C-alpha atoms as a PDB file:
ATOM      1  CA  MET A   1      26.975  59.753 -10.054  1.00  0.00           C
ATOM      2  CA  LYS A   2      24.017  58.110 -11.725  1.00  0.00           C
ATOM      3  CA  LEU A   3      22.621  54.732 -11.111  1.00  0.00           C
ATOM      4  CA  SER A   4      21.310  52.689 -13.647  1.00  0.00           C
ATOM      5  CA  SER A   5      17.826  50.869 -13.137  1.00  0.00           C
ATOM      6  CA  LYS A   6      19.627  47.608 -12.478  1.00  0.00           C
ATOM      7  CA  ALA A   7      21.282  49.247  -9.631  1.00  0.00           C
ATOM      8  CA  TRP A   8      18.274  50.689  -8.175  1.00  0.00           C
ATOM      9  CA  ILE A   9      16.553  47.172  -8.139  1.00  0.00           C
ATOM     10  CA  GLY A  10      19.385  45.795  -6.387  1.00  0.00           C
ATOM     11  CA  ALA A  11      19.389  48.428  -3.989  1.00  0.00           C
ATOM     12  CA  ALA A  12      15.701  48.428  -3.593  1.00  0.00           C
ATOM     13  CA  LEU A  13      15.841  44.335  -3.132  1.00  0.00           C
ATOM     14  CA  LEU A  14      18.666  44.752  -0.780  1.00  0.00           C
ATOM     15  CA  TYR A  15      17.003  47.222   1.305  1.00  0.00           C
ATOM     16  CA  GLY A  16      13.757  44.998   1.292  1.00  0.00           C
ATOM     17  CA  ALA A  17      15.895  42.034   2.799  1.00  0.00           C
ATOM     18  CA  ALA A  18      17.361  44.380   5.515  1.00  0.00           C
ATOM     19  CA  VAL A  19      13.988  45.117   6.693  1.00  0.00           C
ATOM     20  CA  SER A  20      12.310  41.998   6.241  1.00  0.00           C
ATOM     21  CA  ALA A  21      15.106  40.236   8.447  1.00  0.00           C
ATOM     22  CA  ALA A  22      14.567  42.547  11.313  1.00  0.00           C
ATOM     23  CA  PRO A  23      12.531  40.786  14.096  1.00  0.00           C
ATOM     24  CA  ALA A  24       8.904  41.268  14.102  1.00  0.00           C
ATOM     25  CA  GLN A  25       7.548  42.592  17.181  1.00  0.00           C
ATOM     26  CA  PRO A  26       4.588  40.092  18.382  1.00  0.00           C
ATOM     27  CA  PRO A  27       1.373  42.136  18.307  1.00  0.00           C
ATOM     28  CA  ALA A  28      -0.335  43.252  21.417  1.00  0.00           C
ATOM     29  CA  GLY A  29      -3.286  41.321  22.162  1.00  0.00           C
ATOM     30  CA  ARG A  30      -6.733  42.857  22.513  1.00  0.00           C
ATOM     31  CA  ALA A  31      -7.746  43.590  26.083  1.00  0.00           C
ATOM     32  CA  LEU A  32     -10.507  41.046  27.173  1.00  0.00           C
ATOM     33  CA  PRO A  33     -14.096  43.452  26.550  1.00  0.00           C
ATOM     34  CA  ALA A  34     -16.139  43.915  29.633  1.00  0.00           C
ATOM     35  CA  LEU A  35     -18.608  40.906  29.617  1.00  0.00           C
ATOM     36  CA  ALA A  36     -22.299  40.286  31.246  1.00  0.00           C
ATOM     37  CA  LEU A  37     -21.758  36.892  32.661  1.00  0.00           C
ATOM     38  CA  ALA A  38     -23.789  34.537  35.095  1.00  0.00           C
ATOM     39  CA  ALA A  39     -22.014  31.905  37.006  1.00  0.00           C
ATOM     40  CA  GLU A  40     -22.977  28.501  37.452  1.00  0.00           C
ATOM     41  CA  ASP A  41     -25.249  29.578  40.500  1.00  0.00           C
ATOM     42  CA  GLY A  42     -26.477  32.244  38.138  1.00  0.00           C
ATOM     43  CA  THR A  43     -24.503  35.399  40.005  1.00  0.00           C
ATOM     44  CA  PRO A  44     -22.980  37.914  38.363  1.00  0.00           C
ATOM     45  CA  ALA A  45     -19.114  37.309  37.212  1.00  0.00           C
ATOM     46  CA  ALA A  46     -16.461  39.298  36.220  1.00  0.00           C
ATOM     47  CA  ALA A  47     -14.488  38.068  32.869  1.00  0.00           C
ATOM     48  CA  ALA A  48     -11.494  39.712  34.327  1.00  0.00           C
ATOM     49  CA  ALA A  49     -11.592  37.821  37.308  1.00  0.00           C
ATOM     50  CA  LEU A  50     -12.094  34.219  35.882  1.00  0.00           C
ATOM     51  CA  HIS A  51      -8.674  33.392  35.818  1.00  0.00           C
ATOM     52  CA  PRO A  52      -6.336  36.362  36.662  1.00  0.00           C
ATOM     53  CA  GLY A  53      -2.459  35.981  36.570  1.00  0.00           C
ATOM     54  CA  SER A  54      -2.102  33.156  34.148  1.00  0.00           C
ATOM     55  CA  PRO A  55      -2.956  32.171  30.516  1.00  0.00           C
ATOM     56  CA  TRP A  56      -6.305  30.472  30.409  1.00  0.00           C
ATOM     57  CA  VAL A  57      -8.670  29.568  27.615  1.00  0.00           C
ATOM     58  CA  LEU A  58     -12.233  30.506  27.067  1.00  0.00           C
ATOM     59  CA  LEU A  59     -14.527  28.167  25.044  1.00  0.00           C
ATOM     60  CA  VAL A  60     -17.524  29.752  23.308  1.00  0.00           C
ATOM     61  CA  VAL A  61     -20.417  27.595  22.501  1.00  0.00           C
ATOM     62  CA  ASP A  62     -24.028  27.801  21.911  1.00  0.00           C
ATOM     63  CA  ALA A  63     -26.433  25.939  24.045  1.00  0.00           C
ATOM     64  CA  GLY A  64     -29.065  26.003  21.275  1.00  0.00           C
ATOM     65  CA  ARG A  65     -26.636  24.315  18.394  1.00  0.00           C
ATOM     66  CA  PRO A  66     -26.275  20.746  18.180  1.00  0.00           C
ATOM     67  CA  ARG A  67     -23.060  21.635  16.629  1.00  0.00           C
ATOM     68  CA  THR A  68     -21.324  23.357  19.451  1.00  0.00           C
ATOM     69  CA  GLN A  69     -22.488  20.501  21.570  1.00  0.00           C
ATOM     70  CA  ALA A  70     -20.608  17.768  19.267  1.00  0.00           C
ATOM     71  CA  ALA A  71     -17.656  20.103  19.825  1.00  0.00           C
ATOM     72  CA  LEU A  72     -17.569  19.880  23.565  1.00  0.00           C
ATOM     73  CA  ALA A  73     -17.922  15.659  23.290  1.00  0.00           C
ATOM     74  CA  ARG A  74     -14.305  15.731  21.563  1.00  0.00           C
ATOM     75  CA  LEU A  75     -13.156  17.154  24.843  1.00  0.00           C
ATOM     76  CA  GLU A  76     -14.696  14.230  26.789  1.00  0.00           C
ATOM     77  CA  THR A  77     -11.443  12.932  28.981  1.00  0.00           C
ATOM     78  CA  PRO A  78     -11.350  10.558  31.826  1.00  0.00           C
ATOM     79  CA  GLN A  79      -8.734  12.744  33.603  1.00  0.00           C
ATOM     80  CA  GLY A  80     -10.572  16.129  32.873  1.00  0.00           C
ATOM     81  CA  TRP A  81      -9.028  19.450  31.809  1.00  0.00           C
ATOM     82  CA  GLY A  82      -7.787  20.685  35.448  1.00  0.00           C
ATOM     83  CA  ASP A  83      -7.729  24.425  35.865  1.00  0.00           C
ATOM     84  CA  GLY A  84      -7.429  27.485  33.095  1.00  0.00           C
ATOM     85  CA  VAL A  85     -10.436  26.269  30.795  1.00  0.00           C
ATOM     86  CA  HIS A  86     -13.337  28.435  30.878  1.00  0.00           C
ATOM     87  CA  VAL A  87     -17.098  27.334  28.792  1.00  0.00           C
ATOM     88  CA  LEU A  88     -18.881  30.844  27.726  1.00  0.00           C
ATOM     89  CA  VAL A  89     -22.401  29.514  26.993  1.00  0.00           C
ATOM     90  CA  LEU A  90     -25.027  31.496  24.795  1.00  0.00           C
ATOM     91  CA  GLY A  91     -28.666  30.637  25.618  1.00  0.00           C
ATOM     92  CA  ASP A  92     -31.142  30.689  28.263  1.00  0.00           C
ATOM     93  CA  ASP A  93     -30.543  29.515  31.775  1.00  0.00           C
ATOM     94  CA  ALA A  94     -32.393  26.251  31.203  1.00  0.00           C
ATOM     95  CA  ALA A  95     -30.159  25.282  27.846  1.00  0.00           C
ATOM     96  CA  PHE A  96     -27.137  26.511  29.740  1.00  0.00           C
ATOM     97  CA  GLN A  97     -27.898  24.258  33.063  1.00  0.00           C
ATOM     98  CA  ALA A  98     -28.671  21.351  30.463  1.00  0.00           C
ATOM     99  CA  LEU A  99     -25.516  21.403  28.884  1.00  0.00           C
ATOM    100  CA  GLN A 100     -23.444  21.786  31.879  1.00  0.00           C
ATOM    101  CA  GLN A 101     -25.151  18.604  33.060  1.00  0.00           C
ATOM    102  CA  ARG A 102     -24.659  16.725  30.048  1.00  0.00           C
ATOM    103  CA  TYR A 103     -21.027  17.300  29.963  1.00  0.00           C
ATOM    104  CA  ARG A 104     -20.472  17.438  33.904  1.00  0.00           C
ATOM    105  CA  GLN A 105     -17.700  14.782  33.093  1.00  0.00           C
ATOM    106  CA  LEU A 106     -15.360  17.733  32.581  1.00  0.00           C
ATOM    107  CA  THR A 107     -13.547  18.211  35.864  1.00  0.00           C
ATOM    108  CA  GLY A 108     -11.506  21.293  36.433  1.00  0.00           C
ATOM    109  CA  VAL A 109     -13.736  23.218  33.761  1.00  0.00           C
ATOM    110  CA  ARG A 110     -15.671  26.618  34.990  1.00  0.00           C
ATOM    111  CA  TRP A 111     -18.767  27.422  33.259  1.00  0.00           C
ATOM    112  CA  VAL A 112     -20.234  30.554  33.145  1.00  0.00           C
ATOM    113  CA  ARG A 113     -23.598  32.266  30.813  1.00  0.00           C
ATOM    114  CA  ASP A 114     -24.044  35.023  28.575  1.00  0.00           C
ATOM    115  CA  ALA A 115     -26.184  37.075  30.643  1.00  0.00           C
ATOM    116  CA  ASP A 116     -27.614  39.441  28.066  1.00  0.00           C
ATOM    117  CA  GLY A 117     -27.080  37.990  24.758  1.00  0.00           C
ATOM    118  CA  SER A 118     -24.193  40.432  23.595  1.00  0.00           C
ATOM    119  CA  ALA A 119     -21.264  38.243  24.162  1.00  0.00           C
ATOM    120  CA  LEU A 120     -20.738  36.974  20.600  1.00  0.00           C
ATOM    121  CA  ARG A 121     -21.006  40.685  19.217  1.00  0.00           C
ATOM    122  CA  THR A 122     -18.621  42.071  21.866  1.00  0.00           C
ATOM    123  CA  LEU A 123     -15.728  39.333  21.610  1.00  0.00           C
ATOM    124  CA  ARG A 124     -16.327  40.321  17.827  1.00  0.00           C
ATOM    125  CA  LEU A 125     -16.580  36.518  17.047  1.00  0.00           C
ATOM    126  CA  PRO A 126     -17.355  35.617  13.329  1.00  0.00           C
ATOM    127  CA  GLY A 127     -18.959  32.153  14.212  1.00  0.00           C
ATOM    128  CA  LEU A 128     -18.937  29.588  17.068  1.00  0.00           C
ATOM    129  CA  PRO A 129     -17.817  27.532  18.486  1.00  0.00           C
ATOM    130  CA  ALA A 130     -14.649  29.431  19.410  1.00  0.00           C
ATOM    131  CA  MET A 131     -11.832  29.377  21.375  1.00  0.00           C
ATOM    132  CA  LEU A 132      -9.898  32.224  22.578  1.00  0.00           C
ATOM    133  CA  GLY A 133      -6.110  32.004  24.393  1.00  0.00           C
ATOM    134  CA  ILE A 134      -6.335  34.681  27.223  1.00  0.00           C
ATOM    135  CA  ASP A 135      -3.111  35.714  28.402  1.00  0.00           C
ATOM    136  CA  ALA A 136      -1.891  36.369  31.922  1.00  0.00           C
ATOM    137  CA  GLN A 137      -2.532  40.216  31.556  1.00  0.00           C
ATOM    138  CA  GLY A 138      -6.113  39.534  30.322  1.00  0.00           C
ATOM    139  CA  ARG A 139      -5.567  40.210  26.892  1.00  0.00           C
ATOM    140  CA  ILE A 140      -7.139  37.890  23.794  1.00  0.00           C
ATOM    141  CA  ALA A 141      -3.644  36.863  22.468  1.00  0.00           C
ATOM    142  CA  TRP A 142      -5.240  34.191  19.840  1.00  0.00           C
ATOM    143  CA  GLN A 143      -8.910  33.060  18.757  1.00  0.00           C
ATOM    144  CA  ASN A 144      -9.912  30.114  16.804  1.00  0.00           C
ATOM    145  CA  THR A 145     -13.356  29.650  15.099  1.00  0.00           C
ATOM    146  CA  GLY A 146     -13.802  26.171  15.246  1.00  0.00           C
ATOM    147  CA  PHE A 147     -11.953  23.526  17.501  1.00  0.00           C
ATOM    148  CA  ALA A 148      -9.779  20.520  16.247  1.00  0.00           C
ATOM    149  CA  ALA A 149     -11.467  17.775  14.626  1.00  0.00           C
ATOM    150  CA  ASP A 150      -9.160  15.168  16.342  1.00  0.00           C
ATOM    151  CA  ALA A 151      -9.773  15.164  19.998  1.00  0.00           C
ATOM    152  CA  ASN A 152      -6.098  14.518  21.121  1.00  0.00           C
ATOM    153  CA  ARG A 153      -5.280  17.476  18.624  1.00  0.00           C
ATOM    154  CA  LEU A 154      -7.484  20.031  20.606  1.00  0.00           C
ATOM    155  CA  GLN A 155      -6.411  18.748  24.138  1.00  0.00           C
ATOM    156  CA  ALA A 156      -2.498  19.395  23.090  1.00  0.00           C
ATOM    157  CA  GLN A 157      -3.695  22.865  21.919  1.00  0.00           C
ATOM    158  CA  LEU A 158      -5.134  23.590  25.277  1.00  0.00           C
ATOM    159  CA  SER A 159      -2.397  22.204  27.376  1.00  0.00           C
ATOM    160  CA  SER A 160       0.469  24.075  25.335  1.00  0.00           C
ATOM    161  CA  TRP A 161      -1.239  27.473  25.664  1.00  0.00           C
ATOM    162  CA  LEU A 162      -2.252  26.918  29.739  1.00  0.00           C
ATOM    163  CA  THR A 163       1.450  25.353  30.956  1.00  0.00           C
ATOM    164  CA  GLY A 164       3.596  27.313  28.282  1.00  0.00           C
ATOM    165  CA  GLY A 165       1.759  30.286  26.780  1.00  0.00           C
ATOM    166  CA  GLN A 166       1.842  28.835  23.272  1.00  0.00           C
ATOM    167  CA  PRO A 167      -1.121  28.748  21.204  1.00  0.00           C
END
C-alpha cells in the first residue's frame, strides 16, 4: 500500500497532536548549591538548613546597589512577612548591617550574608535583585530576576509559594 504525501502529512500531524497531548512531567528543580553564608551574628550558616521541610523564598540583593534596596522597599508591609523568607545580602559586613538596620521592620525575615562573595556565581544568577523559590526538598523550583513593581503583586507571589507551593 502506497501512501500519498497528504496521507503522510496527516499521519505526522496526528502523531504530533498525540505526543503533545501527553501530560508533561514537571522538571526536577536543581539542588540548592552549597553557599558560604554568615548569619546575622557573623557565625557560619548552611543554606540547606535555612528552612527545611517546607517551601521557602530566597531573596538575593546587593547591599551596594541602591536599585536592590529599592526592591526591598516594595516589601515594607506593616504586618511583616512571617516565616519562610530569607534575604541573602551580597556585600561586606558593614553594608550588610546597614541594610538589615534600614529594613528592620520586615519582621519574620531571616537575614544572611554572602560570606565569600561567590553566591551570585554559585546560584547562576544573571542579575539582581533575584527571588528563588526553594521547595520542601531543598531544590530551586523557580527563580526570577527582579521583583514585581507592584508591592501587592510581589507579596501575593511570595504568599502563594509559601502557603501553597505555587509560584
